[in-house]
Amino acid sequence: MPREFKVPVGNGVDINVFDWQGDGPPILLIHATGYHARCWDSVIKHLPNRRIFAVDLRGHGRSDNPEPPHPWNVYGEDI
């Protein structure tokens, strides 16, 4: 199971991150709109022992959901 933690990204918003603690260069996985970080679980099982970060973007999964709108550029700034 991954380690889970929050990262403050500004304006009082925290995003949720799942960390599969393995070896090698880290892999960052970002979901499409309408999904959440755990949608990557079936992919991650094919990458055993790798260091992988999967992020819940703002308004998704376990991340904070501030009042909309959420312009597209804000997601990139959060990451």
Protein backbone atom coordinates (compact mmCIF):
# COMPACT_ATOMS: atom_id res chain seq x y z
CA MET A 1 0.00 0.00 0.00
CA PRO A 2 1.22 3.50 -0.74
CA ARG A 3 2.07 6.16 1.79
CA GLU A 4 -0.43 9.04 1.59
CA PHE A 5 0.25 12.69 2.39
CA LYS A 6 -0.95 16.23 1.63
CA VAL A 7 1.05 18.96 -0.10
CA PRO A 8 0.08 22.65 0.35
CA VAL A 9 -0.05 24.32 -3.08
CA GLY A 10 -1.11 27.81 -2.04
CA ASN A 11 -4.25 29.76 -1.25
CA GLY A 12 -5.08 27.29 1.52
CA VAL A 13 -5.40 24.35 -0.90
CA ASP A 14 -3.81 20.98 -0.18
CA ILE A 15 -3.46 18.25 -2.79
CA ASN A 16 -3.28 14.58 -1.89
CA VAL A 17 -0.36 12.42 -3.02
CA PHE A 18 0.09 8.64 -2.93
CA ASP A 19 3.71 7.49 -2.75
CA TRP A 20 4.72 3.95 -3.67
CA GLN A 21 8.16 3.88 -2.12
CA GLY A 22 10.46 1.93 -4.39
CA ASP A 23 13.76 2.34 -6.18
CA GLY A 24 14.98 4.12 -9.26
CA PRO A 25 14.05 7.48 -10.71
CA PRO A 26 10.58 8.53 -9.54
CA ILE A 27 7.59 8.31 -11.83
CA LEU A 28 4.85 10.98 -11.58
CA LEU A 29 1.33 9.94 -12.60
CA ILE A 30 -1.40 12.54 -13.16
CA HIS A 31 -5.00 11.53 -13.85
CA ALA A 32 -7.40 13.02 -16.40
CA THR A 33 -10.23 15.31 -15.31
CA GLY A 34 -13.04 13.49 -13.55
CA TYR A 35 -10.75 10.77 -12.18
CA HIS A 36 -8.45 10.43 -9.15
CA ALA A 37 -4.96 9.17 -8.33
CA ARG A 38 -5.99 5.61 -7.53
CA CYS A 39 -7.14 5.05 -11.12
CA TRP A 40 -3.44 4.25 -11.73
CA ASP A 41 -3.42 1.23 -9.39
CA SER A 42 -3.73 -1.31 -12.24
CA VAL A 43 -0.77 0.31 -14.06
CA ILE A 44 1.35 0.56 -10.92
CA LYS A 45 1.06 -3.18 -10.25
CA HIS A 46 3.03 -3.70 -13.49
CA LEU A 47 5.85 -1.49 -12.17
CA PRO A 48 6.94 -3.38 -9.06
CA ASN A 49 9.46 -1.81 -6.72
CA ARG A 50 9.45 1.56 -8.52
CA ARG A 51 9.15 4.93 -6.77
CA ILE A 52 5.82 6.27 -8.00
CA PHE A 53 3.86 9.38 -7.05
CA ALA A 54 0.17 9.55 -8.05
CA VAL A 55 -1.55 12.88 -7.40
CA ASP A 56 -5.19 13.76 -6.76
CA LEU A 57 -5.61 17.07 -8.58
CA ARG A 58 -7.55 19.81 -6.77
CA GLY A 59 -11.26 19.04 -6.73
CA HIS A 60 -10.58 15.32 -7.25
CA GLY A 61 -10.14 12.33 -4.96
CA ARG A 62 -8.91 13.29 -1.49
CA SER A 63 -7.54 16.71 -2.44
CA ASP A 64 -9.22 19.93 -1.38
CA ASN A 65 -12.06 21.17 -3.54
CA PRO A 66 -12.03 24.98 -3.44
CA GLU A 67 -14.90 26.94 -4.93
CA PRO A 68 -14.89 26.72 -8.77
CA PRO A 69 -13.94 27.72 -11.32
CA HIS A 70 -10.72 25.73 -11.61
CA PRO A 71 -8.97 27.09 -14.72
CA TRP A 72 -6.76 24.54 -16.50
CA ASN A 73 -3.55 26.43 -15.72
CA VAL A 74 -4.16 26.08 -11.97
CA TYR A 75 -3.72 22.30 -12.19
CA GLY A 76 -0.29 22.75 -13.76
CA GLU A 77 0.67 25.36 -11.18
CA ASP A 78 -0.35 22.96 -8.38
CA ILE A 79 1.94 20.26 -9.76
